[in-house]
Amino acid sequence: MHASTLDTPIVRSHERESGGAPAARRPRLGFLGVGWIGRHRLQAIVESGVADIVALCDAAPEGLAQAQALAPRASVSESLDALLDADLDGLVIATPSALHAAQAEAALSRGVAVFCQKPLARDAAETARVVRAAEKADRLLGVDFSYRHTEAMRQIRGLIDSGQIGRVYAVDLVFHNAYGPDKPWFRDVQRSGGGCVIDLGIHLVDLVLWTLGFPAIDGVSSRLYSQGQPLGPRPQVVEDYAVAQFDTASGATVRLACSWNLAAGRDAVIEAAFHGTQGGAAMRNVKGSFLDFSAERFDGTRSTVLPAPPDDWGGCAAVQWARQLAGSGRYDPAVASVLQVADVVDAIYGR
């Protein structure tokens, strides 16, 4: 693991107040990549009213047209350099994974804060490079680990933080997507950094570390498959099924399974179950949904339903970043937690 991940104190978002003087104006944001996810984050920020969308960049005319409908005053830039010339305070990146690190570094070197889709980079070395760039530039860096913002997980984290289910000693994590990605670059290991683990499993790794307060991790083991065939370490093809296990310094064992195109009997199976010495709790998606989640607390044979959908959580991470940018925009050391997430993902891949 990177020493900086363990040495840097993790400041939880709901506990941290943005420092520095208030910004003199609403942040001016550019969007690099306005496919479905980019447009969804754009819409969330527009509806929040916290920032102005002033520039857009994407090679796909259809996506640009839909983004312009959401932000009609935004100009269209032909390249990242042109986008960064638009006097931006922040840049939202939603492009293929292989481009994230270089694009984020370019923006940060120009003094522009960055909010990037996950993964921030294809491996831990690239991730560390971007975090160092943000720290050097003293600019805000955020990564879209959106499942932290589901009300279901926030309820469960509250139970764990308050000790209501005792000491967590086991966690089961599942993310099966019955469809898999529809863009070719996802299945090119050089352009994606990996398959279902870096696409889906990374959300689960971040979720468990965030929930448990980012404990140190060791003992990572895994098994990766492609079309039913086992893969070795550092695979040169992307995996479509993976299982992994690792241990935390706090004494919990974490088991993870994720996949693309699995015959799961529904669109998706998403679950995070926490087993404690005095009870348990679990977040589960509702009826195969990618968007709706429920949470339950377990006491022996009894279960208590916590929050229920609907829960408009998808754009919350982007809005939170934009609000923090409006308050200060300086580097937030809490982002160093992405280094630990990247380390665990690298270990799952055997690299």
Protein backbone atom coordinates (compact mmCIF):
# COMPACT_ATOMS: atom_id res chain seq x y z
CA MET A 1 0.00 0.00 0.00
CA HIS A 2 1.11 3.61 -0.54
CA ALA A 3 2.41 5.02 2.72
CA SER A 4 0.67 8.34 2.01
CA THR A 5 -2.70 6.59 2.06
CA LEU A 6 -2.15 5.34 5.58
CA ASP A 7 -0.31 8.38 6.92
CA THR A 8 -2.79 10.98 5.68
CA PRO A 9 -5.68 11.48 8.10
CA ILE A 10 -9.00 10.72 6.43
CA VAL A 11 -11.44 13.57 6.99
CA ARG A 12 -14.99 12.48 6.37
CA SER A 13 -16.97 14.70 4.07
CA HIS A 14 -19.80 15.39 6.53
CA GLU A 15 -17.27 16.41 9.19
CA ARG A 16 -15.14 18.75 7.07
CA GLU A 17 -15.87 22.41 6.47
CA SER A 18 -14.28 24.03 3.41
CA GLY A 19 -11.48 26.37 4.42
CA GLY A 20 -10.27 29.58 2.82
CA ALA A 21 -12.09 32.70 1.73
CA PRO A 22 -15.36 32.40 -0.16
CA ALA A 23 -15.06 32.46 -3.94
CA ALA A 24 -15.78 35.85 -5.49
CA ARG A 25 -18.02 34.28 -8.11
CA ARG A 26 -19.90 31.08 -8.82
CA PRO A 27 -17.47 28.46 -10.11
CA ARG A 28 -17.18 28.28 -13.88
CA LEU A 29 -17.18 24.64 -14.96
CA GLY A 30 -16.24 22.83 -18.13
CA PHE A 31 -17.33 19.30 -19.05
CA LEU A 32 -14.96 17.02 -20.93
CA GLY A 33 -17.10 14.11 -22.12
CA VAL A 34 -20.88 14.43 -22.13
CA GLY A 35 -22.08 10.88 -22.65
CA TRP A 36 -24.82 9.56 -20.41
CA ILE A 37 -22.85 9.83 -17.16
CA GLY A 38 -21.34 13.21 -18.03
CA ARG A 39 -24.79 14.63 -18.88
CA HIS A 40 -26.29 13.19 -15.71
CA ARG A 41 -23.64 14.91 -13.58
CA LEU A 42 -24.09 18.10 -15.60
CA GLN A 43 -27.83 18.07 -14.98
CA ALA A 44 -27.34 17.50 -11.25
CA ILE A 45 -24.99 20.49 -10.98
CA VAL A 46 -27.31 22.69 -13.08
CA GLU A 47 -30.28 21.80 -10.88
CA SER A 48 -28.27 22.48 -7.72
CA GLY A 49 -27.59 26.05 -8.89
CA VAL A 50 -24.14 25.97 -7.30
CA ALA A 51 -22.05 26.59 -10.43
CA ASP A 52 -22.20 27.85 -14.01
CA ILE A 53 -21.57 25.48 -16.93
CA VAL A 54 -19.59 27.55 -19.42
CA ALA A 55 -17.90 25.10 -21.80
CA LEU A 56 -18.41 21.60 -23.22
CA CYS A 57 -16.22 19.22 -25.18
CA ASP A 58 -17.11 15.88 -26.76
CA ALA A 59 -16.48 14.24 -30.11
CA ALA A 60 -20.05 12.95 -30.36
CA PRO A 61 -22.49 15.54 -31.79
CA GLU A 62 -25.57 13.85 -30.30
CA GLY A 63 -24.20 13.99 -26.78
CA LEU A 64 -23.15 17.62 -27.24
CA ALA A 65 -26.61 18.59 -28.46
CA GLN A 66 -28.24 17.02 -25.40
CA ALA A 67 -25.71 18.68 -23.09
CA GLN A 68 -26.31 22.07 -24.70
CA ALA A 69 -30.02 21.67 -24.05
CA LEU A 70 -29.15 21.39 -20.35
CA ALA A 71 -26.60 24.23 -20.42
CA PRO A 72 -27.64 26.48 -23.33
CA ARG A 73 -25.13 29.24 -22.48
CA ALA A 74 -22.13 26.92 -22.62
CA SER A 75 -19.72 27.23 -25.51
CA VAL A 76 -18.38 24.20 -27.39
CA SER A 77 -14.64 23.55 -27.42
CA GLU A 78 -12.86 21.35 -29.93
CA SER A 79 -10.12 20.10 -27.60
CA LEU A 80 -9.03 19.91 -23.98
CA ASP A 81 -6.59 22.80 -24.51
CA ALA A 82 -9.38 24.97 -25.90
CA LEU A 83 -11.63 23.96 -23.02
CA LEU A 84 -8.98 24.97 -20.49
CA ASP A 85 -8.68 28.35 -22.22
CA ALA A 86 -12.29 29.12 -21.22
CA ASP A 87 -11.30 30.64 -17.86
CA LEU A 88 -12.49 27.61 -15.89
CA ASP A 89 -12.47 27.10 -12.14
CA GLY A 90 -13.22 23.38 -12.45
CA LEU A 91 -13.36 20.59 -15.01
CA VAL A 92 -15.62 17.51 -14.91
CA ILE A 93 -14.05 14.56 -16.75
CA ALA A 94 -16.19 11.71 -18.11
CA THR A 95 -14.04 10.20 -20.85
CA PRO A 96 -12.55 6.70 -21.42
CA SER A 97 -10.44 5.56 -18.47
CA ALA A 98 -7.10 5.60 -20.30
CA LEU A 99 -7.44 9.37 -20.74
CA HIS A 100 -8.35 10.32 -17.17
CA ALA A 101 -4.90 10.68 -15.63
CA ALA A 102 -3.34 12.80 -18.39
CA GLN A 103 -6.44 14.99 -18.72
CA ALA A 104 -6.68 15.54 -14.97
CA GLU A 105 -2.98 16.43 -14.74
CA ALA A 106 -3.30 18.87 -17.64
CA ALA A 107 -6.17 20.66 -15.93
CA LEU A 108 -4.51 20.73 -12.52
CA SER A 109 -1.29 22.12 -14.02
CA ARG A 110 -3.37 25.04 -15.32
CA GLY A 111 -4.82 25.68 -11.86
CA VAL A 112 -8.20 24.10 -12.67
CA ALA A 113 -9.88 21.86 -10.08
CA VAL A 114 -10.98 18.40 -11.28
CA PHE A 115 -13.89 16.05 -10.73
CA CYS A 116 -13.27 12.75 -12.50
CA GLN A 117 -15.30 9.65 -13.18
CA LYS A 118 -13.97 6.50 -11.61
CA PRO A 119 -11.42 5.11 -12.02
CA LEU A 120 -9.26 8.20 -11.61
CA ALA A 121 -6.58 6.22 -13.44
CA ARG A 122 -5.86 2.71 -14.73
CA ASP A 123 -3.57 1.67 -11.88
CA ALA A 124 -2.14 2.80 -8.56
CA ALA A 125 0.94 4.48 -10.06
CA GLU A 126 -1.15 6.68 -12.35
CA THR A 127 -3.55 7.43 -9.50
CA ALA A 128 -0.70 8.56 -7.23
CA ARG A 129 0.61 10.82 -9.98
CA VAL A 130 -2.73 12.63 -10.28
CA VAL A 131 -3.10 13.04 -6.52
CA ARG A 132 0.43 14.49 -6.34
CA ALA A 133 -0.45 16.91 -9.14
CA ALA A 134 -3.51 18.10 -7.23
CA GLU A 135 -1.52 18.56 -4.04
CA LYS A 136 1.25 20.43 -5.87
CA ALA A 137 -1.25 22.74 -7.57
CA ASP A 138 -3.27 23.07 -4.34
CA ARG A 139 -6.45 22.46 -6.31
CA LEU A 140 -9.52 20.44 -5.39
CA LEU A 141 -9.65 16.90 -6.79
CA GLY A 142 -12.74 14.70 -6.58
CA VAL A 143 -13.57 11.20 -7.83
CA ASP A 144 -17.11 10.03 -8.57
CA PHE A 145 -17.54 7.24 -6.03
CA SER A 146 -21.27 7.81 -6.09
CA TYR A 147 -22.52 4.84 -4.04
CA ARG A 148 -21.26 6.53 -0.88
CA HIS A 149 -24.14 8.95 -1.38
CA THR A 150 -26.98 6.44 -1.37
CA GLU A 151 -29.19 6.97 1.65
CA ALA A 152 -29.06 3.22 2.25
CA MET A 153 -25.28 3.22 2.74
CA ARG A 154 -25.32 6.39 4.80
CA GLN A 155 -27.81 4.76 7.16
CA ILE A 156 -25.64 1.64 7.43
CA ARG A 157 -22.49 3.64 8.01
CA GLY A 158 -24.28 5.50 10.79
CA LEU A 159 -25.15 2.18 12.47
CA ILE A 160 -21.52 1.06 12.25
CA ASP A 161 -20.03 4.38 13.40
CA SER A 162 -22.33 4.43 16.44
CA GLY A 163 -21.46 0.84 17.37
CA GLN A 164 -25.06 -0.36 17.07
CA ILE A 165 -24.11 -3.61 15.33
CA GLY A 166 -20.90 -4.08 17.30
CA ARG A 167 -17.49 -4.72 15.74
CA VAL A 168 -17.74 -5.57 12.04
CA TYR A 169 -15.85 -8.79 11.40
CA ALA A 170 -17.12 -9.82 7.94
CA VAL A 171 -18.37 -8.03 4.83
CA ASP A 172 -19.91 -9.52 1.68
CA LEU A 173 -19.93 -7.36 -1.47
CA VAL A 174 -21.62 -8.19 -4.79
CA PHE A 175 -22.07 -6.30 -8.07
CA HIS A 176 -23.29 -8.34 -11.03
CA ASN A 177 -24.32 -6.48 -14.18
CA ALA A 178 -26.35 -8.66 -16.54
CA TYR A 179 -25.44 -6.50 -19.54
CA GLY A 180 -21.86 -5.31 -19.37
CA PRO A 181 -20.47 -2.21 -21.08
CA ASP A 182 -21.52 -1.26 -24.59
CA LYS A 183 -18.37 0.62 -25.67
CA PRO A 184 -15.42 -1.31 -27.19
CA TRP A 185 -12.76 0.46 -25.13
CA PHE A 186 -14.08 -1.17 -21.94
CA ARG A 187 -12.89 -4.54 -23.28
CA ASP A 188 -9.39 -3.32 -24.21
CA VAL A 189 -7.18 -3.78 -21.15
CA GLN A 190 -4.78 -1.04 -22.24
CA ARG A 191 -7.56 1.51 -22.57
CA SER A 192 -9.62 0.44 -19.55
CA GLY A 193 -7.09 -0.85 -17.02
CA GLY A 194 -9.16 -4.01 -16.55
CA GLY A 195 -12.65 -5.43 -16.74
CA CYS A 196 -15.47 -5.79 -14.24
CA VAL A 197 -13.20 -5.19 -11.23
CA ILE A 198 -12.10 -1.70 -12.27
CA ASP A 199 -15.56 -0.95 -13.66
CA LEU A 200 -17.82 -2.32 -10.88
CA GLY A 201 -15.67 -3.82 -8.15
CA ILE A 202 -13.85 -0.55 -7.55
CA HIS A 203 -17.13 0.93 -6.28
CA LEU A 204 -17.41 -1.91 -3.76
CA VAL A 205 -13.79 -1.55 -2.62
CA ASP A 206 -14.28 2.17 -2.05
CA LEU A 207 -17.61 1.59 -0.33
CA VAL A 208 -16.27 -0.87 2.25
CA LEU A 209 -13.15 1.20 2.98
CA TRP A 210 -15.22 4.39 3.35
CA THR A 211 -17.75 2.65 5.58
CA LEU A 212 -15.08 1.18 7.87
CA GLY A 213 -12.99 4.35 8.06
CA PHE A 214 -10.20 3.34 5.63
CA PRO A 215 -8.40 0.70 7.71
CA ALA A 216 -5.13 -0.76 6.47
CA ILE A 217 -5.56 -3.76 4.14
CA ASP A 218 -3.54 -6.92 3.69
CA GLY A 219 -3.90 -10.52 2.52
CA VAL A 220 -5.54 -9.74 -0.84
CA SER A 221 -6.31 -12.84 -2.94
CA SER A 222 -8.41 -13.14 -6.08
CA ARG A 223 -9.53 -15.24 -9.03
CA LEU A 224 -10.38 -13.66 -12.38
CA TYR A 225 -12.20 -15.22 -15.33
CA SER A 226 -12.87 -14.36 -18.95
CA GLN A 227 -15.76 -16.23 -20.58
CA GLY A 228 -15.43 -18.93 -17.94
CA GLN A 229 -11.67 -19.37 -18.33
CA PRO A 230 -9.40 -18.51 -15.37
CA LEU A 231 -6.82 -15.77 -15.92
CA GLY A 232 -3.37 -15.40 -14.40
CA PRO A 233 -1.86 -12.33 -12.68
CA ARG A 234 -1.61 -9.15 -14.78
CA PRO A 235 -4.05 -10.46 -17.39
CA GLN A 236 -3.82 -9.06 -20.92
CA VAL A 237 -7.54 -9.54 -21.53
CA VAL A 238 -10.31 -8.04 -19.44
CA GLU A 239 -12.10 -10.20 -16.89
CA ASP A 240 -15.88 -10.57 -16.92
CA TYR A 241 -16.11 -12.35 -13.55
CA ALA A 242 -14.01 -11.91 -10.42
CA VAL A 243 -13.93 -13.00 -6.81
CA ALA A 244 -11.58 -11.53 -4.22
CA GLN A 245 -10.95 -11.60 -0.48
CA PHE A 246 -8.93 -9.32 1.77
CA ASP A 247 -8.51 -8.54 5.45
CA THR A 248 -8.60 -5.23 7.31
CA ALA A 249 -6.40 -4.15 10.19
CA SER A 250 -9.59 -3.84 12.25
CA GLY A 251 -10.08 -7.60 11.97
CA ALA A 252 -12.73 -7.86 9.26
CA THR A 253 -12.63 -10.23 6.29
CA VAL A 254 -14.09 -8.81 3.08
CA ARG A 255 -15.38 -11.00 0.25
CA LEU A 256 -16.14 -9.47 -3.12
CA ALA A 257 -17.72 -10.79 -6.32
CA CYS A 258 -18.48 -8.83 -9.49
CA SER A 259 -19.22 -9.57 -13.12
CA TRP A 260 -20.42 -8.47 -16.53
CA ASN A 261 -22.99 -10.38 -18.58
CA LEU A 262 -23.81 -12.82 -15.80
CA ALA A 263 -27.04 -14.81 -16.06
CA ALA A 264 -28.37 -13.34 -12.82
CA GLY A 265 -32.10 -13.54 -13.54
CA ARG A 266 -32.40 -9.75 -13.34
CA ASP A 267 -30.69 -6.60 -14.62
CA ALA A 268 -28.31 -6.31 -11.70
CA VAL A 269 -27.47 -7.77 -8.30
CA ILE A 270 -25.87 -5.21 -5.99
CA GLU A 271 -25.35 -5.84 -2.28
CA ALA A 272 -23.15 -4.77 0.60
CA ALA A 273 -23.73 -6.80 3.78
CA PHE A 274 -21.94 -6.04 7.06
CA HIS A 275 -21.82 -8.63 9.84
CA GLY A 276 -21.08 -7.38 13.35
CA THR A 277 -20.74 -8.90 16.80
CA GLN A 278 -24.10 -7.40 17.83
CA GLY A 279 -26.08 -7.55 14.60
CA GLY A 280 -25.83 -6.85 10.91
CA ALA A 281 -26.96 -4.58 8.11
CA ALA A 282 -27.19 -4.78 4.33
CA MET A 283 -27.81 -2.54 1.35
CA ARG A 284 -29.49 -4.23 -1.63
CA ASN A 285 -30.77 -3.05 -4.97
CA VAL A 286 -34.53 -3.30 -5.42
CA LYS A 287 -35.91 -5.70 -8.06
CA GLY A 288 -32.75 -5.65 -10.15
CA SER A 289 -32.58 -1.85 -10.34
CA PHE A 290 -29.31 0.02 -10.86
CA LEU A 291 -30.73 3.08 -9.09
CA ASP A 292 -33.05 2.01 -6.27
CA PHE A 293 -31.68 0.62 -3.01
CA SER A 294 -33.06 -0.49 0.31
CA ALA A 295 -31.29 -1.09 3.60
CA GLU A 296 -32.05 -3.43 6.47
CA ARG A 297 -30.75 -3.90 9.98
CA PHE A 298 -30.54 -7.46 11.28
CA ASP A 299 -30.95 -8.53 14.91
CA GLY A 300 -30.97 -12.31 15.17
CA THR A 301 -33.88 -13.50 13.04
CA ARG A 302 -35.49 -10.06 12.94
CA SER A 303 -34.93 -7.47 10.21
CA THR A 304 -35.83 -3.78 10.19
CA VAL A 305 -36.12 -1.86 6.94
CA LEU A 306 -34.21 1.43 7.02
CA PRO A 307 -34.62 3.89 4.10
CA ALA A 308 -36.58 3.01 0.97
CA PRO A 309 -36.38 4.35 -2.59
CA PRO A 310 -36.73 6.74 -4.33
CA ASP A 311 -33.38 8.30 -3.47
CA ASP A 312 -31.85 10.79 -5.93
CA TRP A 313 -28.21 9.99 -5.19
CA GLY A 314 -26.48 9.65 -8.58
CA GLY A 315 -25.24 13.23 -8.96
CA CYS A 316 -24.59 13.95 -5.28
CA ALA A 317 -20.82 13.44 -5.43
CA ALA A 318 -20.50 15.94 -8.30
CA VAL A 319 -22.70 18.49 -6.54
CA GLN A 320 -20.74 18.09 -3.30
CA TRP A 321 -17.48 18.70 -5.20
CA ALA A 322 -18.95 21.79 -6.89
CA ARG A 323 -20.09 23.17 -3.53
CA GLN A 324 -16.64 22.62 -2.06
CA LEU A 325 -15.14 24.33 -5.09
CA ALA A 326 -17.45 27.30 -4.53
CA GLY A 327 -16.24 27.53 -0.94
CA SER A 328 -12.50 27.25 -1.47
CA GLY A 329 -11.27 25.03 -4.29
CA ARG A 330 -8.03 24.20 -2.50
CA TYR A 331 -6.59 20.68 -2.27
CA ASP A 332 -8.50 18.43 0.13
CA PRO A 333 -6.30 15.67 1.63
CA ALA A 334 -9.35 13.40 1.97
CA VAL A 335 -8.87 12.53 -1.72
CA ALA A 336 -5.78 10.52 -0.74
CA SER A 337 -8.18 7.68 0.08
CA VAL A 338 -8.31 6.93 -3.67
CA LEU A 339 -4.72 5.71 -3.36
CA GLN A 340 -5.78 2.93 -1.02
CA VAL A 341 -8.66 1.96 -3.30
CA ALA A 342 -6.27 1.81 -6.26
CA ASP A 343 -3.80 -0.30 -4.26
CA VAL A 344 -6.48 -2.88 -3.46
CA VAL A 345 -7.62 -3.00 -7.09
CA ASP A 346 -4.01 -3.47 -8.23
CA ALA A 347 -3.60 -6.31 -5.74
CA ILE A 348 -6.75 -7.99 -7.07
CA TYR A 349 -5.20 -7.86 -10.53
CA GLY A 350 -1.91 -9.23 -9.20
CA ARG A 351 0.10 -6.18 -10.23
